């Protein structure tokens, strides 16, 4: 799945005691009713945001992730996240379109959530 839009906000890298790290970005889509979409990049994928700046127009390749969690009272809750794994420049000048280097995905990228 892909999301195309302009970078609205870049957050700092979050590091957890377990060694897990993530970085989030907000993309504003360009459509009749623009949406601000929060996308997270986990582990080594967080490095893909190093050269991204606010107002850049990019295409982000994402996976939708969902999980079930039972709280201490036994109530089941569901959580969704949008995880990015590849970024391409999507400026109007086609000569500028370049792919960001993206290592291949492995199951380890998604199995080390902080909770």
PDB file of N, CA and C in Angstrom:
ATOM      1  N   UNK A   1       0.840  -1.163   0.000  1.00  0.00           N
ATOM      2  CA  UNK A   1       0.000   0.000   0.000  1.00  0.00           C
ATOM      3  C   UNK A   1       0.896   1.241   0.000  1.00  0.00           C
ATOM      4  N   UNK A   2       0.412   2.318  -0.606  1.00  0.00           N
ATOM      5  CA  UNK A   2       1.219   3.538  -0.734  1.00  0.00           C
ATOM      6  C   UNK A   2       0.423   4.754  -0.261  1.00  0.00           C
ATOM      7  N   UNK A   3       1.139   5.716   0.297  1.00  0.00           N
ATOM      8  CA  UNK A   3       0.548   6.993   0.677  1.00  0.00           C
ATOM      9  C   UNK A   3       1.422   8.082   0.068  1.00  0.00           C
ATOM     10  N   UNK A   4       0.789   8.996  -0.676  1.00  0.00           N
ATOM     11  CA  UNK A   4       1.510  10.090  -1.309  1.00  0.00           C
ATOM     12  C   UNK A   4       1.056  11.396  -0.666  1.00  0.00           C
ATOM     13  N   UNK A   5       2.012  12.235  -0.303  1.00  0.00           N
ATOM     14  CA  UNK A   5       1.659  13.520   0.277  1.00  0.00           C
ATOM     15  C   UNK A   5       2.891  14.312   0.664  1.00  0.00           C
ATOM     16  N   UNK A   6       2.646  15.417   1.354  1.00  0.00           N
ATOM     17  CA  UNK A   6       3.733  16.280   1.816  1.00  0.00           C
ATOM     18  C   UNK A   6       4.004  16.027   3.288  1.00  0.00           C
ATOM     19  N   UNK A   7       5.277  16.088   3.639  1.00  0.00           N
ATOM     20  CA  UNK A   7       5.684  15.888   5.023  1.00  0.00           C
ATOM     21  C   UNK A   7       5.221  17.085   5.842  1.00  0.00           C
ATOM     22  N   UNK A   8       4.411  16.820   6.839  1.00  0.00           N
ATOM     23  CA  UNK A   8       3.935  17.878   7.725  1.00  0.00           C
ATOM     24  C   UNK A   8       4.809  17.979   8.972  1.00  0.00           C
ATOM     25  N   UNK A   9       5.184  16.818   9.525  1.00  0.00           N
ATOM     26  CA  UNK A   9       5.956  16.822  10.764  1.00  0.00           C
ATOM     27  C   UNK A   9       6.814  15.569  10.853  1.00  0.00           C
ATOM     28  N   UNK A  10       8.032  15.752  11.354  1.00  0.00           N
ATOM     29  CA  UNK A  10       8.945  14.650  11.644  1.00  0.00           C
ATOM     30  C   UNK A  10       9.203  14.643  13.146  1.00  0.00           C
ATOM     31  N   UNK A  11       9.085  13.495  13.757  1.00  0.00           N
ATOM     32  CA  UNK A  11       9.350  13.374  15.185  1.00  0.00           C
ATOM     33  C   UNK A  11      10.756  12.807  15.402  1.00  0.00           C
ATOM     34  N   UNK A  12      11.277  13.002  16.582  1.00  0.00           N
ATOM     35  CA  UNK A  12      12.588  12.455  16.945  1.00  0.00           C
ATOM     36  C   UNK A  12      12.485  10.937  17.126  1.00  0.00           C
ATOM     37  N   UNK A  13      13.620  10.275  17.063  1.00  0.00           N
ATOM     38  CA  UNK A  13      13.670   8.831  17.279  1.00  0.00           C
ATOM     39  C   UNK A  13      13.346   8.538  18.744  1.00  0.00           C
ATOM     40  N   UNK A  14      12.493   7.552  18.963  1.00  0.00           N
ATOM     41  CA  UNK A  14      12.175   7.089  20.313  1.00  0.00           C
ATOM     42  C   UNK A  14      12.921   5.788  20.541  1.00  0.00           C
ATOM     43  N   UNK A  15      13.640   5.715  21.662  1.00  0.00           N
ATOM     44  CA  UNK A  15      14.389   4.509  21.997  1.00  0.00           C
ATOM     45  C   UNK A  15      13.862   3.956  23.311  1.00  0.00           C
ATOM     46  N   UNK A  16      13.688   2.629  23.368  1.00  0.00           N
ATOM     47  CA  UNK A  16      13.160   1.970  24.548  1.00  0.00           C
ATOM     48  C   UNK A  16      14.237   1.080  25.168  1.00  0.00           C
ATOM     49  N   UNK A  17      14.087   0.784  26.449  1.00  0.00           N
ATOM     50  CA  UNK A  17      15.084  -0.015  27.165  1.00  0.00           C
ATOM     51  C   UNK A  17      15.309  -1.378  26.519  1.00  0.00           C
ATOM     52  N   UNK A  18      14.295  -1.908  25.873  1.00  0.00           N
ATOM     53  CA  UNK A  18      14.403  -3.224  25.233  1.00  0.00           C
ATOM     54  C   UNK A  18      15.292  -3.203  23.992  1.00  0.00           C
ATOM     55  N   UNK A  19      15.673  -1.981  23.537  1.00  0.00           N
ATOM     56  CA  UNK A  19      16.452  -1.861  22.306  1.00  0.00           C
ATOM     57  C   UNK A  19      15.579  -1.505  21.113  1.00  0.00           C
ATOM     58  N   UNK A  20      14.274  -1.564  21.299  1.00  0.00           N
ATOM     59  CA  UNK A  20      13.327  -1.198  20.245  1.00  0.00           C
ATOM     60  C   UNK A  20      13.420   0.305  20.004  1.00  0.00           C
ATOM     61  N   UNK A  21      13.341   0.714  18.729  1.00  0.00           N
ATOM     62  CA  UNK A  21      13.315   2.141  18.411  1.00  0.00           C
ATOM     63  C   UNK A  21      12.360   2.390  17.264  1.00  0.00           C
ATOM     64  N   UNK A  22      11.784   3.592  17.275  1.00  0.00           N
ATOM     65  CA  UNK A  22      10.883   3.983  16.190  1.00  0.00           C
ATOM     66  C   UNK A  22      10.948   5.484  15.993  1.00  0.00           C
ATOM     67  N   UNK A  23      10.554   5.895  14.805  1.00  0.00           N
ATOM     68  CA  UNK A  23      10.456   7.311  14.474  1.00  0.00           C
ATOM     69  C   UNK A  23       9.173   7.495  13.685  1.00  0.00           C
ATOM     70  N   UNK A  24       8.452   8.566  13.980  1.00  0.00           N
ATOM     71  CA  UNK A  24       7.172   8.804  13.340  1.00  0.00           C
ATOM     72  C   UNK A  24       7.232  10.044  12.450  1.00  0.00           C
ATOM     73  N   UNK A  25       6.334  10.049  11.468  1.00  0.00           N
ATOM     74  CA  UNK A  25       6.230  11.142  10.518  1.00  0.00           C
ATOM     75  C   UNK A  25       4.742  11.366  10.242  1.00  0.00           C
ATOM     76  N   UNK A  26       4.362  12.598   9.982  1.00  0.00           N
ATOM     77  CA  UNK A  26       2.986  12.906   9.583  1.00  0.00           C
ATOM     78  C   UNK A  26       3.015  13.366   8.130  1.00  0.00           C
ATOM     79  N   UNK A  27       2.218  12.718   7.308  1.00  0.00           N
ATOM     80  CA  UNK A  27       2.088  13.043   5.881  1.00  0.00           C
ATOM     81  C   UNK A  27       0.698  13.621   5.654  1.00  0.00           C
ATOM     82  N   UNK A  28       0.617  14.756   4.962  1.00  0.00           N
ATOM     83  CA  UNK A  28      -0.671  15.323   4.574  1.00  0.00           C
ATOM     84  C   UNK A  28      -0.941  14.941   3.132  1.00  0.00           C
ATOM     85  N   UNK A  29      -2.019  14.195   2.928  1.00  0.00           N
ATOM     86  CA  UNK A  29      -2.362  13.752   1.578  1.00  0.00           C
ATOM     87  C   UNK A  29      -2.874  14.937   0.764  1.00  0.00           C
ATOM     88  N   UNK A  30      -2.762  14.819  -0.550  1.00  0.00           N
ATOM     89  CA  UNK A  30      -3.234  15.867  -1.454  1.00  0.00           C
ATOM     90  C   UNK A  30      -4.436  15.334  -2.208  1.00  0.00           C
ATOM     91  N   UNK A  31      -5.598  15.563  -1.636  1.00  0.00           N
ATOM     92  CA  UNK A  31      -6.862  15.112  -2.212  1.00  0.00           C
ATOM     93  C   UNK A  31      -7.933  16.118  -1.810  1.00  0.00           C
ATOM     94  N   UNK A  32      -9.151  15.986  -2.309  1.00  0.00           N
ATOM     95  CA  UNK A  32     -10.178  16.986  -1.969  1.00  0.00           C
ATOM     96  C   UNK A  32     -10.354  17.199  -0.458  1.00  0.00           C
ATOM     97  N   UNK A  33     -10.222  16.150   0.327  1.00  0.00           N
ATOM     98  CA  UNK A  33     -10.295  16.247   1.780  1.00  0.00           C
ATOM     99  C   UNK A  33      -8.989  15.711   2.351  1.00  0.00           C
ATOM    100  N   UNK A  34      -7.945  16.560   2.421  1.00  0.00           N
ATOM    101  CA  UNK A  34      -6.622  16.105   2.865  1.00  0.00           C
ATOM    102  C   UNK A  34      -6.676  15.472   4.258  1.00  0.00           C
ATOM    103  N   UNK A  35      -5.869  14.443   4.413  1.00  0.00           N
ATOM    104  CA  UNK A  35      -5.784  13.723   5.679  1.00  0.00           C
ATOM    105  C   UNK A  35      -4.359  13.820   6.210  1.00  0.00           C
ATOM    106  N   UNK A  36      -4.230  13.967   7.517  1.00  0.00           N
ATOM    107  CA  UNK A  36      -2.923  13.921   8.167  1.00  0.00           C
ATOM    108  C   UNK A  36      -2.733  12.506   8.691  1.00  0.00           C
ATOM    109  N   UNK A  37      -1.799  11.779   8.091  1.00  0.00           N
ATOM    110  CA  UNK A  37      -1.591  10.365   8.397  1.00  0.00           C
ATOM    111  C   UNK A  37      -0.285  10.200   9.169  1.00  0.00           C
ATOM    112  N   UNK A  38      -0.369   9.587  10.346  1.00  0.00           N
ATOM    113  CA  UNK A  38       0.811   9.284  11.151  1.00  0.00           C
ATOM    114  C   UNK A  38       1.357   7.921  10.714  1.00  0.00           C
ATOM    115  N   UNK A  39       2.622   7.898  10.343  1.00  0.00           N
ATOM    116  CA  UNK A  39       3.275   6.658   9.902  1.00  0.00           C
ATOM    117  C   UNK A  39       4.490   6.439  10.777  1.00  0.00           C
ATOM    118  N   UNK A  40       4.670   5.219  11.251  1.00  0.00           N
ATOM    119  CA  UNK A  40       5.839   4.915  12.083  1.00  0.00           C
ATOM    120  C   UNK A  40       6.826   4.055  11.311  1.00  0.00           C
ATOM    121  N   UNK A  41       8.087   4.301  11.577  1.00  0.00           N
ATOM    122  CA  UNK A  41       9.182   3.519  11.005  1.00  0.00           C
ATOM    123  C   UNK A  41       9.912   2.891  12.185  1.00  0.00           C
ATOM    124  N   UNK A  42      10.006   1.560  12.196  1.00  0.00           N
ATOM    125  CA  UNK A  42      10.575   0.871  13.354  1.00  0.00           C
ATOM    126  C   UNK A  42      11.939   0.274  13.035  1.00  0.00           C
ATOM    127  N   UNK A  43      12.731   0.131  14.105  1.00  0.00           N
ATOM    128  CA  UNK A  43      14.068  -0.462  14.046  1.00  0.00           C
ATOM    129  C   UNK A  43      14.918   0.221  12.970  1.00  0.00           C
ATOM    130  N   UNK A  44      15.532  -0.554  12.072  1.00  0.00           N
ATOM    131  CA  UNK A  44      16.433   0.044  11.074  1.00  0.00           C
ATOM    132  C   UNK A  44      15.694   0.877  10.029  1.00  0.00           C
ATOM    133  N   UNK A  45      14.377   0.726   9.912  1.00  0.00           N
ATOM    134  CA  UNK A  45      13.602   1.534   8.956  1.00  0.00           C
ATOM    135  C   UNK A  45      13.544   3.009   9.384  1.00  0.00           C
ATOM    136  N   UNK A  46      13.770   3.288  10.670  1.00  0.00           N
ATOM    137  CA  UNK A  46      13.783   4.671  11.152  1.00  0.00           C
ATOM    138  C   UNK A  46      14.863   5.481  10.436  1.00  0.00           C
ATOM    139  N   UNK A  47      15.916   4.827   9.999  1.00  0.00           N
ATOM    140  CA  UNK A  47      17.003   5.509   9.294  1.00  0.00           C
ATOM    141  C   UNK A  47      16.562   6.071   7.943  1.00  0.00           C
ATOM    142  N   UNK A  48      15.467   5.550   7.380  1.00  0.00           N
ATOM    143  CA  UNK A  48      14.981   6.044   6.088  1.00  0.00           C
ATOM    144  C   UNK A  48      14.537   7.504   6.166  1.00  0.00           C
ATOM    145  N   UNK A  49      14.269   8.010   7.361  1.00  0.00           N
ATOM    146  CA  UNK A  49      13.794   9.381   7.519  1.00  0.00           C
ATOM    147  C   UNK A  49      14.917  10.394   7.691  1.00  0.00           C
ATOM    148  N   UNK A  50      16.153   9.947   7.657  1.00  0.00           N
ATOM    149  CA  UNK A  50      17.292  10.843   7.885  1.00  0.00           C
ATOM    150  C   UNK A  50      17.369  11.997   6.888  1.00  0.00           C
ATOM    151  N   UNK A  51      17.042  11.767   5.622  1.00  0.00           N
ATOM    152  CA  UNK A  51      17.164  12.800   4.590  1.00  0.00           C
ATOM    153  C   UNK A  51      15.830  13.437   4.218  1.00  0.00           C
ATOM    154  N   UNK A  52      14.796  13.157   4.982  1.00  0.00           N
ATOM    155  CA  UNK A  52      13.467  13.699   4.709  1.00  0.00           C
ATOM    156  C   UNK A  52      13.299  15.002   5.486  1.00  0.00           C
ATOM    157  N   UNK A  53      12.681  15.989   4.858  1.00  0.00           N
ATOM    158  CA  UNK A  53      12.474  17.304   5.472  1.00  0.00           C
ATOM    159  C   UNK A  53      11.001  17.705   5.368  1.00  0.00           C
ATOM    160  N   UNK A  54      10.529  18.566   6.286  1.00  0.00           N
ATOM    161  CA  UNK A  54       9.151  19.059   6.162  1.00  0.00           C
ATOM    162  C   UNK A  54       8.930  19.696   4.784  1.00  0.00           C
ATOM    163  N   UNK A  55       7.750  19.511   4.268  1.00  0.00           N
ATOM    164  CA  UNK A  55       7.283  20.002   2.967  1.00  0.00           C
ATOM    165  C   UNK A  55       7.779  19.175   1.787  1.00  0.00           C
ATOM    166  N   UNK A  56       8.637  18.166   2.003  1.00  0.00           N
ATOM    167  CA  UNK A  56       9.008  17.254   0.922  1.00  0.00           C
ATOM    168  C   UNK A  56       7.762  16.503   0.468  1.00  0.00           C
ATOM    169  N   UNK A  57       7.630  16.307  -0.848  1.00  0.00           N
ATOM    170  CA  UNK A  57       6.543  15.479  -1.363  1.00  0.00           C
ATOM    171  C   UNK A  57       7.113  14.084  -1.581  1.00  0.00           C
ATOM    172  N   UNK A  58       6.521  13.103  -0.906  1.00  0.00           N
ATOM    173  CA  UNK A  58       7.062  11.742  -0.945  1.00  0.00           C
ATOM    174  C   UNK A  58       5.960  10.709  -1.132  1.00  0.00           C
ATOM    175  N   UNK A  59       6.394   9.549  -1.542  1.00  0.00           N
ATOM    176  CA  UNK A  59       5.532   8.366  -1.594  1.00  0.00           C
ATOM    177  C   UNK A  59       6.073   7.408  -0.547  1.00  0.00           C
ATOM    178  N   UNK A  60       5.214   6.994   0.377  1.00  0.00           N
ATOM    179  CA  UNK A  60       5.617   6.079   1.437  1.00  0.00           C
ATOM    180  C   UNK A  60       4.905   4.754   1.230  1.00  0.00           C
ATOM    181  N   UNK A  61       5.657   3.682   1.205  1.00  0.00           N
ATOM    182  CA  UNK A  61       5.107   2.340   1.109  1.00  0.00           C
ATOM    183  C   UNK A  61       4.888   1.838   2.531  1.00  0.00           C
ATOM    184  N   UNK A  62       3.667   1.380   2.812  1.00  0.00           N
ATOM    185  CA  UNK A  62       3.311   1.041   4.188  1.00  0.00           C
ATOM    186  C   UNK A  62       2.671  -0.340   4.287  1.00  0.00           C
ATOM    187  N   UNK A  63       2.711  -0.862   5.502  1.00  0.00           N
ATOM    188  CA  UNK A  63       1.961  -2.055   5.879  1.00  0.00           C
ATOM    189  C   UNK A  63       1.029  -1.655   7.012  1.00  0.00           C
ATOM    190  N   UNK A  64      -0.200  -2.150   6.962  1.00  0.00           N
ATOM    191  CA  UNK A  64      -1.122  -1.950   8.072  1.00  0.00           C
ATOM    192  C   UNK A  64      -0.895  -3.077   9.061  1.00  0.00           C
ATOM    193  N   UNK A  65      -0.710  -2.721  10.324  1.00  0.00           N
ATOM    194  CA  UNK A  65      -0.441  -3.703  11.365  1.00  0.00           C
ATOM    195  C   UNK A  65      -1.556  -3.632  12.404  1.00  0.00           C
ATOM    196  N   UNK A  66      -1.979  -4.756  12.923  1.00  0.00           N
ATOM    197  CA  UNK A  66      -3.004  -4.805  13.958  1.00  0.00           C
ATOM    198  C   UNK A  66      -2.619  -5.824  15.006  1.00  0.00           C
ATOM    199  N   UNK A  67      -3.030  -5.576  16.241  1.00  0.00           N
ATOM    200  CA  UNK A  67      -2.721  -6.531  17.300  1.00  0.00           C
ATOM    201  C   UNK A  67      -3.815  -6.493  18.359  1.00  0.00           C
ATOM    202  N   UNK A  68      -3.900  -7.573  19.068  1.00  0.00           N
ATOM    203  CA  UNK A  68      -4.855  -7.723  20.155  1.00  0.00           C
ATOM    204  C   UNK A  68      -4.092  -7.691  21.473  1.00  0.00           C
ATOM    205  N   UNK A  69      -4.676  -7.046  22.487  1.00  0.00           N
ATOM    206  CA  UNK A  69      -4.026  -6.951  23.791  1.00  0.00           C
ATOM    207  C   UNK A  69      -5.095  -7.117  24.864  1.00  0.00           C
ATOM    208  N   UNK A  70      -4.803  -7.902  25.871  1.00  0.00           N
ATOM    209  CA  UNK A  70      -5.709  -8.077  26.997  1.00  0.00           C
ATOM    210  C   UNK A  70      -5.158  -7.303  28.182  1.00  0.00           C
ATOM    211  N   UNK A  71      -5.941  -6.367  28.711  1.00  0.00           N
ATOM    212  CA  UNK A  71      -5.466  -5.556  29.837  1.00  0.00           C
ATOM    213  C   UNK A  71      -5.567  -6.357  31.139  1.00  0.00           C
ATOM    214  N   UNK A  72      -5.027  -5.846  32.229  1.00  0.00           N
ATOM    215  CA  UNK A  72      -5.032  -6.591  33.496  1.00  0.00           C
ATOM    216  C   UNK A  72      -6.430  -6.969  34.003  1.00  0.00           C
ATOM    217  N   UNK A  73      -7.446  -6.236  33.585  1.00  0.00           N
ATOM    218  CA  UNK A  73      -8.818  -6.571  33.989  1.00  0.00           C
ATOM    219  C   UNK A  73      -9.445  -7.626  33.082  1.00  0.00           C
ATOM    220  N   UNK A  74      -8.705  -8.092  32.084  1.00  0.00           N
ATOM    221  CA  UNK A  74      -9.207  -9.120  31.177  1.00  0.00           C
ATOM    222  C   UNK A  74      -9.974  -8.592  29.985  1.00  0.00           C
ATOM    223  N   UNK A  75      -9.976  -7.278  29.784  1.00  0.00           N
ATOM    224  CA  UNK A  75     -10.689  -6.685  28.656  1.00  0.00           C
ATOM    225  C   UNK A  75      -9.768  -6.685  27.439  1.00  0.00           C
ATOM    226  N   UNK A  76     -10.290  -7.193  26.330  1.00  0.00           N
ATOM    227  CA  UNK A  76      -9.511  -7.270  25.091  1.00  0.00           C
ATOM    228  C   UNK A  76      -9.644  -5.955  24.329  1.00  0.00           C
ATOM    229  N   UNK A  77      -8.511  -5.436  23.906  1.00  0.00           N
ATOM    230  CA  UNK A  77      -8.474  -4.209  23.103  1.00  0.00           C
ATOM    231  C   UNK A  77      -7.701  -4.497  21.823  1.00  0.00           C
ATOM    232  N   UNK A  78      -7.984  -3.701  20.795  1.00  0.00           N
ATOM    233  CA  UNK A  78      -7.320  -3.852  19.504  1.00  0.00           C
ATOM    234  C   UNK A  78      -6.628  -2.546  19.134  1.00  0.00           C
ATOM    235  N   UNK A  79      -5.441  -2.666  18.570  1.00  0.00           N
ATOM    236  CA  UNK A  79      -4.650  -1.512  18.166  1.00  0.00           C
ATOM    237  C   UNK A  79      -4.221  -1.684  16.719  1.00  0.00           C
ATOM    238  N   UNK A  80      -4.188  -0.571  15.997  1.00  0.00           N
ATOM    239  CA  UNK A  80      -3.716  -0.560  14.611  1.00  0.00           C
ATOM    240  C   UNK A  80      -2.554   0.410  14.487  1.00  0.00           C
ATOM    241  N   UNK A  81      -1.673   0.136  13.555  1.00  0.00           N
ATOM    242  CA  UNK A  81      -0.600   1.069  13.251  1.00  0.00           C
ATOM    243  C   UNK A  81      -0.293   1.001  11.765  1.00  0.00           C
ATOM    244  N   UNK A  82       0.283   2.064  11.275  1.00  0.00           N
ATOM    245  CA  UNK A  82       0.717   2.143   9.882  1.00  0.00           C
ATOM    246  C   UNK A  82       2.233   2.200   9.918  1.00  0.00           C
ATOM    247  N   UNK A  83       2.874   1.174   9.370  1.00  0.00           N
ATOM    248  CA  UNK A  83       4.337   1.100   9.413  1.00  0.00           C
ATOM    249  C   UNK A  83       4.917   1.270   8.013  1.00  0.00           C
ATOM    250  N   UNK A  84       5.811   2.247   7.903  1.00  0.00           N
ATOM    251  CA  UNK A  84       6.481   2.495   6.630  1.00  0.00           C
ATOM    252  C   UNK A  84       7.692   1.598   6.471  1.00  0.00           C
ATOM    253  N   UNK A  85       7.991   1.231   5.227  1.00  0.00           N
ATOM    254  CA  UNK A  85       9.157   0.391   4.961  1.00  0.00           C
ATOM    255  C   UNK A  85       9.974   0.858   3.760  1.00  0.00           C
ATOM    256  N   UNK A  86       9.464   1.854   3.029  1.00  0.00           N
ATOM    257  CA  UNK A  86      10.205   2.381   1.875  1.00  0.00           C
ATOM    258  C   UNK A  86       9.678   3.784   1.581  1.00  0.00           C
ATOM    259  N   UNK A  87      10.581   4.668   1.118  1.00  0.00           N
ATOM    260  CA  UNK A  87      10.207   6.039   0.777  1.00  0.00           C
ATOM    261  C   UNK A  87      10.783   6.375  -0.592  1.00  0.00           C
ATOM    262  N   UNK A  88       9.966   7.060  -1.412  1.00  0.00           N
ATOM    263  CA  UNK A  88      10.443   7.579  -2.696  1.00  0.00           C
ATOM    264  C   UNK A  88      10.132   9.065  -2.762  1.00  0.00           C
ATOM    265  N   UNK A  89      11.036   9.833  -3.367  1.00  0.00           N
ATOM    266  CA  UNK A  89      10.785  11.240  -3.648  1.00  0.00           C
ATOM    267  C   UNK A  89       9.646  11.291  -4.659  1.00  0.00           C
ATOM    268  N   UNK A  90       8.712  12.184  -4.471  1.00  0.00           N
ATOM    269  CA  UNK A  90       7.577  12.269  -5.389  1.00  0.00           C
ATOM    270  C   UNK A  90       7.347  13.709  -5.829  1.00  0.00           C
ATOM    271  N   UNK A  91       8.438  14.435  -6.036  1.00  0.00           N
ATOM    272  CA  UNK A  91       8.316  15.818  -6.497  1.00  0.00           C
ATOM    273  C   UNK A  91       7.795  15.844  -7.927  1.00  0.00           C
ATOM    274  N   UNK A  92       7.317  16.983  -8.359  1.00  0.00           N
ATOM    275  CA  UNK A  92       6.719  17.099  -9.695  1.00  0.00           C
ATOM    276  C   UNK A  92       7.736  16.892 -10.812  1.00  0.00           C
ATOM    277  N   UNK A  93       9.012  17.112 -10.523  1.00  0.00           N
ATOM    278  CA  UNK A  93      10.065  16.921 -11.524  1.00  0.00           C
ATOM    279  C   UNK A  93      10.450  15.441 -11.543  1.00  0.00           C
ATOM    280  N   UNK A  94      10.040  14.744 -12.596  1.00  0.00           N
ATOM    281  CA  UNK A  94      10.273  13.298 -12.647  1.00  0.00           C
ATOM    282  C   UNK A  94      11.748  12.933 -12.645  1.00  0.00           C
ATOM    283  N   UNK A  95      12.610  13.870 -13.014  1.00  0.00           N
ATOM    284  CA  UNK A  95      14.044  13.563 -13.009  1.00  0.00           C
ATOM    285  C   UNK A  95      14.581  13.478 -11.583  1.00  0.00           C
ATOM    286  N   UNK A  96      13.826  14.018 -10.624  1.00  0.00           N
ATOM    287  CA  UNK A  96      14.264  13.979  -9.232  1.00  0.00           C
ATOM    288  C   UNK A  96      13.811  12.712  -8.516  1.00  0.00           C
ATOM    289  N   UNK A  97      12.911  11.948  -9.131  1.00  0.00           N
ATOM    290  CA  UNK A  97      12.384  10.770  -8.444  1.00  0.00           C
ATOM    291  C   UNK A  97      13.486   9.740  -8.240  1.00  0.00           C
ATOM    292  N   UNK A  98      13.738   9.452  -7.008  1.00  0.00           N
ATOM    293  CA  UNK A  98      14.728   8.437  -6.668  1.00  0.00           C
ATOM    294  C   UNK A  98      14.209   7.601  -5.525  1.00  0.00           C
ATOM    295  N   UNK A  99      14.587   6.374  -5.510  1.00  0.00           N
ATOM    296  CA  UNK A  99      14.174   5.488  -4.433  1.00  0.00           C
ATOM    297  C   UNK A  99      15.140   5.593  -3.278  1.00  0.00           C
ATOM    298  N   UNK A 100      14.584   5.602  -2.095  1.00  0.00           N
ATOM    299  CA  UNK A 100      15.421   5.516  -0.901  1.00  0.00           C
ATOM    300  C   UNK A 100      15.897   4.081  -0.774  1.00  0.00           C
ATOM    301  N   UNK A 101      17.090   3.892  -0.281  1.00  0.00           N
ATOM    302  CA  UNK A 101      17.597   2.540  -0.077  1.00  0.00           C
ATOM    303  C   UNK A 101      16.830   1.930   1.069  1.00  0.00           C
ATOM    304  N   UNK A 102      16.247   0.771   0.818  1.00  0.00           N
ATOM    305  CA  UNK A 102      15.434   0.107   1.840  1.00  0.00           C
ATOM    306  C   UNK A 102      15.854  -1.348   1.949  1.00  0.00           C
ATOM    307  N   UNK A 103      16.402  -1.746   3.093  1.00  0.00           N
ATOM    308  CA  UNK A 103      16.744  -3.147   3.247  1.00  0.00           C
ATOM    309  C   UNK A 103      15.475  -3.984   3.210  1.00  0.00           C
ATOM    310  N   UNK A 104      15.603  -5.243   2.869  1.00  0.00           N
ATOM    311  CA  UNK A 104      14.428  -6.100   2.778  1.00  0.00           C
ATOM    312  C   UNK A 104      13.810  -6.306   4.153  1.00  0.00           C
ATOM    313  N   UNK A 105      12.511  -6.545   4.148  1.00  0.00           N
ATOM    314  CA  UNK A 105      11.789  -6.769   5.401  1.00  0.00           C
ATOM    315  C   UNK A 105      12.038  -8.173   5.918  1.00  0.00           C
ATOM    316  N   UNK A 106      12.055  -8.303   7.222  1.00  0.00           N
ATOM    317  CA  UNK A 106      12.100  -9.620   7.838  1.00  0.00           C
ATOM    318  C   UNK A 106      11.071  -9.651   8.942  1.00  0.00           C
ATOM    319  N   UNK A 107      10.727 -10.815   9.412  1.00  0.00           N
ATOM    320  CA  UNK A 107       9.740 -10.921  10.477  1.00  0.00           C
ATOM    321  C   UNK A 107      10.229 -10.253  11.750  1.00  0.00           C
ATOM    322  N   UNK A 108      11.534 -10.093  11.917  1.00  0.00           N
ATOM    323  CA  UNK A 108      12.081  -9.436  13.107  1.00  0.00           C
ATOM    324  C   UNK A 108      11.671  -7.972  13.186  1.00  0.00           C
ATOM    325  N   UNK A 109      11.357  -7.348  12.044  1.00  0.00           N
ATOM    326  CA  UNK A 109      10.984  -5.939  12.035  1.00  0.00           C
ATOM    327  C   UNK A 109       9.664  -5.689  12.753  1.00  0.00           C
ATOM    328  N   UNK A 110       8.850  -6.726  12.930  1.00  0.00           N
ATOM    329  CA  UNK A 110       7.522  -6.532  13.471  1.00  0.00           C
ATOM    330  C   UNK A 110       7.262  -7.291  14.767  1.00  0.00           C
ATOM    331  N   UNK A 111       8.220  -8.097  15.213  1.00  0.00           N
ATOM    332  CA  UNK A 111       7.999  -8.934  16.387  1.00  0.00           C
ATOM    333  C   UNK A 111       8.554  -8.373  17.667  1.00  0.00           C
ATOM    334  N   UNK A 112       9.106  -7.184  17.671  1.00  0.00           N
ATOM    335  CA  UNK A 112       9.735  -6.657  18.872  1.00  0.00           C
ATOM    336  C   UNK A 112       9.079  -5.365  19.323  1.00  0.00           C
ATOM    337  N   UNK A 113       7.748  -5.404  19.429  1.00  0.00           N
ATOM    338  CA  UNK A 113       7.013  -4.234  19.893  1.00  0.00           C
ATOM    339  C   UNK A 113       7.271  -4.018  21.379  1.00  0.00           C
ATOM    340  N   UNK A 114       7.241  -2.775  21.847  1.00  0.00           N
ATOM    341  CA  UNK A 114       7.600  -2.483  23.227  1.00  0.00           C
ATOM    342  C   UNK A 114       6.571  -2.920  24.270  1.00  0.00           C
ATOM    343  N   UNK A 115       5.416  -3.419  23.845  1.00  0.00           N
ATOM    344  CA  UNK A 115       4.429  -3.890  24.823  1.00  0.00           C
ATOM    345  C   UNK A 115       3.736  -5.127  24.353  1.00  0.00           C
TER     346      UNK A 115
END
